[in-house]
Amino acid sequence: MTAELPLVIFTIMAQMSVGSFVVLGVIQLVGYRVDPKLMDRITDPALYAIGPILVLGMAASLLHLGSPLRAVNSLRHLGGSWLSREIAFGILFAVLGAAFAGVQWRKMLTPRLRQVLAGTTAVVGLGLVYVISRVYTLRTVPSTDTWHTAVSFYATTFLLGSLAVGAALVIASRVRVRRGVEDEEAQALIVRAVRGIAIGSIVVLGVIVVALPTFLGSLAINDSPAAAESLETLVVTYGGLSILQLVLIFAAVAVLAVFLVQLSRGKIDHRGLAVVVVTAFALAFSGELIGRMLFYASMVRIGM
């Protein structure tokens, strides 16, 4: 299962960085009435963390290709190769994201132009996730030649992206508190953001719960021996890991559900909030890491 580790790291990191960027954009849009300076102080630390995440993922992908030169050569086939488009979209998202982080940091351009740049970056990022899913939608691999590949990749994007943003927000908040520069208004804004992230995570979990058994059922009724072998890999060979993956993701969302219950009762411990969100992110990331390794392990080609 570790043979495809570079691709596991690349796909998860790329999707998480896209999800983080989109979620930050949503927070900005929902909080349009908030003082822009306060909003920037809350969200900018998370924004600056996206770039290194994507760079790490792309570096891992180069390890799989063997050398950076192969990545350059792959760009020559944009018209007919999803792999070439994946590399192109990844580079474009990284460049646009870095440009936005730069103008946001220096407060260059007008706010409207920065919003246009951010929107363009988000669209390219979502396109990147789609292109990555298309790389694996192969007719010769029944386990990936299905709608479930794109659904699962977008689920990873929004689940890890939102939780990564939540973790970055609460960690940065605790740092500001220790420096004596955090205020009640900022903490209230973070609580609202985490509440939205918790609700969104529950929705994503619902998608996973519906999609997974449907996907396994489609493999079960597929006449191909490759599909049967993929199903056996997921249910029998690595059945324990498949269960562990779901347990970890359920646990992550359950932790956030506890936060929502406490919030409804008016009981918010900001120090405990940091522990809750970081724990939820760690659980979800571990679950998604196992899930992505299972994804590659279950890729069985027809006729092989």
Protein backbone atom coordinates (compact mmCIF):
# COMPACT_ATOMS: atom_id res chain seq x y z
CA MET A 1 0.00 0.00 0.00
CA THR A 2 2.95 2.34 0.46
CA ALA A 3 4.12 2.13 -3.17
CA GLU A 4 1.85 5.02 -4.18
CA LEU A 5 2.65 7.14 -1.11
CA PRO A 6 3.88 10.15 -3.17
CA LEU A 7 0.56 10.23 -5.03
CA VAL A 8 -1.35 9.80 -1.78
CA ILE A 9 0.42 12.84 -0.34
CA PHE A 10 0.01 14.88 -3.52
CA THR A 11 -3.70 14.26 -3.99
CA ILE A 12 -4.60 14.81 -0.34
CA MET A 13 -2.45 17.94 0.05
CA ALA A 14 -3.66 19.44 -3.22
CA GLN A 15 -7.30 18.81 -2.36
CA MET A 16 -6.88 20.10 1.18
CA SER A 17 -5.25 23.31 -0.03
CA VAL A 18 -8.06 23.88 -2.56
CA GLY A 19 -10.69 23.23 0.10
CA SER A 20 -8.94 25.58 2.52
CA PHE A 21 -8.87 28.37 -0.05
CA VAL A 22 -12.55 27.93 -0.91
CA VAL A 23 -13.62 27.78 2.75
CA LEU A 24 -11.67 30.94 3.54
CA GLY A 25 -13.45 32.62 0.65
CA VAL A 26 -16.82 31.51 2.01
CA ILE A 27 -15.93 32.88 5.45
CA GLN A 28 -15.03 36.20 3.86
CA LEU A 29 -18.29 36.32 1.90
CA VAL A 30 -20.50 35.35 4.84
CA GLY A 31 -18.73 37.89 7.05
CA TYR A 32 -18.88 40.75 4.55
CA ARG A 33 -20.33 43.04 7.24
CA VAL A 34 -17.40 42.40 9.58
CA ASP A 35 -14.67 45.03 9.84
CA PRO A 36 -12.26 44.10 6.99
CA LYS A 37 -9.23 44.64 9.21
CA LEU A 38 -10.62 42.24 11.81
CA MET A 39 -11.51 39.68 9.14
CA ASP A 40 -8.03 39.85 7.60
CA ARG A 41 -6.40 39.49 11.02
CA ILE A 42 -8.42 36.33 11.63
CA THR A 43 -8.14 34.67 8.20
CA ASP A 44 -4.73 35.72 6.82
CA PRO A 45 -2.70 33.22 8.91
CA ALA A 46 -4.72 30.36 7.42
CA LEU A 47 -4.30 31.80 3.93
CA TYR A 48 -0.51 31.86 4.20
CA ALA A 49 -0.49 28.18 5.23
CA ILE A 50 -2.15 27.02 2.00
CA GLY A 51 0.88 27.62 -0.24
CA PRO A 52 3.33 25.39 1.65
CA ILE A 53 0.71 22.62 1.77
CA LEU A 54 0.33 22.61 -2.01
CA VAL A 55 4.08 22.90 -2.59
CA LEU A 56 4.62 19.84 -0.38
CA GLY A 57 2.02 17.91 -2.34
CA MET A 58 3.49 18.85 -5.73
CA ALA A 59 6.98 17.96 -4.53
CA ALA A 60 5.65 14.53 -3.58
CA SER A 61 4.15 14.10 -7.04
CA LEU A 62 7.52 14.84 -8.63
CA LEU A 63 8.98 11.97 -6.62
CA HIS A 64 6.48 9.67 -8.32
CA LEU A 65 7.35 10.99 -11.77
CA GLY A 66 11.02 10.38 -11.12
CA SER A 67 12.32 13.83 -12.05
CA PRO A 68 11.02 17.40 -12.54
CA LEU A 69 11.93 17.11 -16.24
CA ARG A 70 9.18 14.52 -16.72
CA ALA A 71 6.65 17.01 -15.33
CA VAL A 72 7.80 19.58 -17.89
CA ASN A 73 7.54 17.03 -20.70
CA SER A 74 4.03 16.09 -19.55
CA LEU A 75 2.84 19.64 -20.23
CA ARG A 76 3.28 19.02 -23.95
CA HIS A 77 0.14 16.90 -24.08
CA LEU A 78 -2.51 19.23 -22.65
CA GLY A 79 -4.90 18.50 -25.50
CA GLY A 80 -5.24 14.79 -24.82
CA SER A 81 -3.78 13.95 -21.42
CA TRP A 82 -5.52 14.43 -18.08
CA LEU A 83 -2.15 13.99 -16.36
CA SER A 84 -0.79 16.99 -18.30
CA ARG A 85 -3.86 19.01 -17.31
CA GLU A 86 -3.39 17.96 -13.69
CA ILE A 87 0.15 19.35 -13.67
CA ALA A 88 -0.94 22.52 -15.50
CA PHE A 89 -3.87 23.16 -13.13
CA GLY A 90 -1.66 22.47 -10.12
CA ILE A 91 0.95 24.98 -11.26
CA LEU A 92 -1.71 27.55 -12.16
CA PHE A 93 -3.45 27.18 -8.79
CA ALA A 94 -0.14 27.53 -6.96
CA VAL A 95 0.82 30.65 -8.96
CA LEU A 96 -2.58 32.32 -8.52
CA GLY A 97 -2.69 31.40 -4.84
CA ALA A 98 0.77 32.84 -4.27
CA ALA A 99 -0.20 36.00 -6.17
CA PHE A 100 -3.33 36.44 -4.07
CA ALA A 101 -1.43 35.84 -0.83
CA GLY A 102 1.10 38.46 -1.92
CA VAL A 103 -1.41 41.18 -2.80
CA GLN A 104 -3.46 40.36 0.31
CA TRP A 105 -0.38 40.66 2.52
CA ARG A 106 0.72 43.94 0.97
CA LYS A 107 -2.87 45.14 0.50
CA MET A 108 -2.11 45.80 -3.15
CA LEU A 109 -4.82 46.39 -5.79
CA THR A 110 -8.35 47.36 -4.82
CA PRO A 111 -10.49 45.10 -2.60
CA ARG A 112 -12.69 44.30 -5.61
CA LEU A 113 -9.71 43.21 -7.74
CA ARG A 114 -8.43 41.08 -4.88
CA GLN A 115 -11.85 39.42 -4.72
CA VAL A 116 -11.75 38.74 -8.46
CA LEU A 117 -8.29 37.19 -8.11
CA ALA A 118 -9.47 35.08 -5.17
CA GLY A 119 -12.54 33.90 -7.08
CA THR A 120 -10.44 32.97 -10.10
CA THR A 121 -8.04 31.04 -7.88
CA ALA A 122 -10.91 29.16 -6.23
CA VAL A 123 -12.40 28.18 -9.61
CA VAL A 124 -9.01 26.95 -10.85
CA GLY A 125 -8.59 25.00 -7.60
CA LEU A 126 -11.96 23.28 -7.95
CA GLY A 127 -11.02 22.53 -11.55
CA LEU A 128 -7.79 20.97 -10.29
CA VAL A 129 -9.75 18.56 -8.08
CA TYR A 130 -11.92 17.57 -11.03
CA VAL A 131 -8.91 17.03 -13.28
CA ILE A 132 -7.23 14.88 -10.62
CA SER A 133 -10.36 12.72 -10.48
CA ARG A 134 -10.35 12.38 -14.27
CA VAL A 135 -6.77 11.10 -14.21
CA TYR A 136 -8.08 8.01 -12.40
CA THR A 137 -11.36 7.59 -14.28
CA LEU A 138 -10.00 4.75 -16.41
CA ARG A 139 -12.15 2.31 -18.38
CA THR A 140 -9.71 -0.47 -17.57
CA VAL A 141 -10.07 0.08 -13.77
CA PRO A 142 -13.68 -0.59 -12.65
CA SER A 143 -13.07 0.66 -9.09
CA THR A 144 -12.16 4.16 -10.30
CA ASP A 145 -14.16 4.39 -13.54
CA THR A 146 -17.16 5.65 -11.60
CA TRP A 147 -18.78 8.84 -10.31
CA HIS A 148 -17.57 7.88 -6.82
CA THR A 149 -14.00 8.92 -7.64
CA ALA A 150 -14.98 12.57 -8.16
CA VAL A 151 -17.42 12.55 -5.22
CA SER A 152 -14.85 11.13 -2.82
CA PHE A 153 -12.17 13.58 -3.98
CA TYR A 154 -14.47 16.56 -3.48
CA ALA A 155 -15.53 15.17 -0.09
CA THR A 156 -11.86 15.10 0.91
CA THR A 157 -11.44 18.63 -0.45
CA PHE A 158 -14.18 20.15 1.65
CA LEU A 159 -13.78 18.02 4.77
CA LEU A 160 -10.02 18.44 5.18
CA GLY A 161 -10.05 21.98 3.78
CA SER A 162 -12.64 23.21 6.25
CA LEU A 163 -11.07 21.45 9.23
CA ALA A 164 -7.59 22.71 8.27
CA VAL A 165 -8.95 26.25 8.21
CA GLY A 166 -10.66 25.72 11.54
CA ALA A 167 -7.44 24.42 13.08
CA ALA A 168 -5.46 27.35 11.67
CA LEU A 169 -8.00 29.86 13.01
CA VAL A 170 -8.03 28.51 16.56
CA ILE A 171 -4.25 28.01 16.73
CA ALA A 172 -3.61 31.56 15.51
CA SER A 173 -6.17 32.80 18.02
CA ARG A 174 -4.42 31.08 20.92
CA VAL A 175 -1.12 32.62 19.82
CA ARG A 176 -2.71 36.10 19.81
CA VAL A 177 -4.24 35.48 23.24
CA ARG A 178 -0.83 34.62 24.66
CA ARG A 179 0.50 37.85 23.18
CA GLY A 180 -2.39 39.79 24.68
CA VAL A 181 -3.71 41.05 21.33
CA GLU A 182 -6.91 38.96 20.98
CA ASP A 183 -10.31 40.48 21.80
CA GLU A 184 -13.82 39.17 22.39
CA GLU A 185 -15.03 40.30 18.95
CA ALA A 186 -12.32 38.26 17.22
CA GLN A 187 -13.03 35.19 19.33
CA ALA A 188 -16.76 35.48 18.64
CA LEU A 189 -16.01 35.59 14.91
CA ILE A 190 -13.87 32.45 15.18
CA VAL A 191 -16.63 30.63 17.08
CA ARG A 192 -19.09 31.51 14.29
CA ALA A 193 -16.63 30.28 11.67
CA VAL A 194 -16.05 27.00 13.50
CA ARG A 195 -19.80 26.50 13.86
CA GLY A 196 -20.18 26.82 10.10
CA ILE A 197 -17.27 24.44 9.58
CA ALA A 198 -18.85 21.91 11.95
CA ILE A 199 -22.18 22.05 10.14
CA GLY A 200 -20.45 21.74 6.75
CA SER A 201 -18.46 18.73 7.98
CA ILE A 202 -21.66 16.99 9.05
CA VAL A 203 -23.08 17.56 5.55
CA VAL A 204 -19.93 16.09 3.95
CA LEU A 205 -20.18 13.08 6.27
CA GLY A 206 -23.74 12.58 5.05
CA VAL A 207 -22.49 12.51 1.46
CA ILE A 208 -19.84 9.93 2.39
CA VAL A 209 -22.38 7.76 4.21
CA VAL A 210 -24.67 7.71 1.17
CA ALA A 211 -21.96 7.38 -1.50
CA LEU A 212 -19.80 4.62 -0.03
CA PRO A 213 -22.32 1.76 0.18
CA THR A 214 -23.67 2.75 -3.25
CA PHE A 215 -20.14 2.51 -4.64
CA LEU A 216 -19.49 -0.87 -3.00
CA GLY A 217 -22.82 -2.10 -4.33
CA SER A 218 -21.85 -1.08 -7.86
CA LEU A 219 -18.67 -3.14 -7.57
CA ALA A 220 -20.67 -6.12 -6.28
CA ILE A 221 -22.96 -6.18 -9.32
CA ASN A 222 -20.15 -5.58 -11.81
CA ASP A 223 -19.40 -8.74 -13.83
CA SER A 224 -15.70 -7.91 -14.21
CA PRO A 225 -13.21 -10.04 -12.21
CA ALA A 226 -11.25 -6.82 -11.63
CA ALA A 227 -14.26 -5.28 -9.89
CA ALA A 228 -14.65 -8.40 -7.73
CA GLU A 229 -10.98 -8.25 -6.77
CA SER A 230 -11.26 -4.55 -5.91
CA LEU A 231 -14.29 -5.27 -3.71
CA GLU A 232 -12.43 -8.09 -1.98
CA THR A 233 -9.48 -5.78 -1.36
CA LEU A 234 -11.67 -3.17 0.31
CA VAL A 235 -13.96 -5.51 2.26
CA VAL A 236 -11.79 -8.55 3.05
CA THR A 237 -8.07 -7.97 2.54
CA TYR A 238 -8.07 -4.49 4.06
CA GLY A 239 -11.49 -4.64 5.68
CA GLY A 240 -10.09 -3.63 9.04
CA LEU A 241 -8.51 -0.51 7.59
CA SER A 242 -11.72 0.34 5.74
CA ILE A 243 -13.61 0.21 9.03
CA LEU A 244 -10.90 2.23 10.78
CA GLN A 245 -11.12 4.90 8.10
CA LEU A 246 -14.85 5.34 8.69
CA VAL A 247 -14.45 5.26 12.47
CA LEU A 248 -11.86 8.05 12.35
CA ILE A 249 -14.01 10.26 10.11
CA PHE A 250 -17.12 9.63 12.21
CA ALA A 251 -15.11 10.42 15.35
CA ALA A 252 -13.89 13.70 13.83
CA VAL A 253 -17.42 14.82 13.04
CA ALA A 254 -18.69 13.57 16.43
CA VAL A 255 -16.15 15.80 18.17
CA LEU A 256 -17.48 18.77 16.21
CA ALA A 257 -21.05 17.76 17.05
CA VAL A 258 -20.15 17.97 20.73
CA PHE A 259 -18.94 21.52 20.10
CA LEU A 260 -22.28 22.41 18.49
CA VAL A 261 -24.15 21.03 21.49
CA GLN A 262 -22.00 23.07 23.87
CA LEU A 263 -22.50 26.13 21.70
CA SER A 264 -26.28 25.72 21.83
CA ARG A 265 -26.03 25.68 25.63
CA GLY A 266 -23.89 28.81 25.69
CA LYS A 267 -20.88 26.95 27.08
CA ILE A 268 -17.78 27.91 25.11
CA ASP A 269 -14.27 27.38 26.46
CA HIS A 270 -11.96 29.00 23.89
CA ARG A 271 -8.98 26.97 25.07
CA GLY A 272 -11.03 23.78 24.79
CA LEU A 273 -12.25 24.89 21.37
CA ALA A 274 -8.69 24.75 20.06
CA VAL A 275 -8.33 21.18 21.35
CA VAL A 276 -11.65 20.16 19.79
CA VAL A 277 -10.91 21.54 16.32
CA VAL A 278 -7.31 20.32 16.14
CA THR A 279 -8.39 16.87 17.34
CA ALA A 280 -11.14 16.75 14.72
CA PHE A 281 -8.67 17.70 12.00
CA ALA A 282 -6.13 15.08 13.12
CA LEU A 283 -8.80 12.35 13.15
CA ALA A 284 -10.20 13.32 9.75
CA PHE A 285 -6.75 13.61 8.18
CA SER A 286 -5.80 10.17 9.47
CA GLY A 287 -9.03 8.71 8.10
CA GLU A 288 -8.60 10.35 4.70
CA LEU A 289 -4.97 9.20 4.53
CA ILE A 290 -6.05 5.60 5.09
CA GLY A 291 -8.89 6.02 2.60
CA ARG A 292 -6.60 7.31 -0.12
CA MET A 293 -4.17 4.44 0.41
CA LEU A 294 -7.10 2.03 0.07
CA PHE A 295 -8.12 3.85 -3.11
CA TYR A 296 -4.80 3.02 -4.74
CA ALA A 297 -4.66 -0.48 -3.29
CA SER A 298 -8.07 -1.31 -4.83
CA MET A 299 -7.09 -0.21 -8.36
CA VAL A 300 -7.21 -3.49 -10.28
CA ARG A 301 -7.02 -3.39 -14.08
CA ILE A 302 -9.19 -5.49 -16.35
CA GLY A 303 -7.16 -8.31 -17.87
CA MET A 304 -4.31 -8.04 -15.37
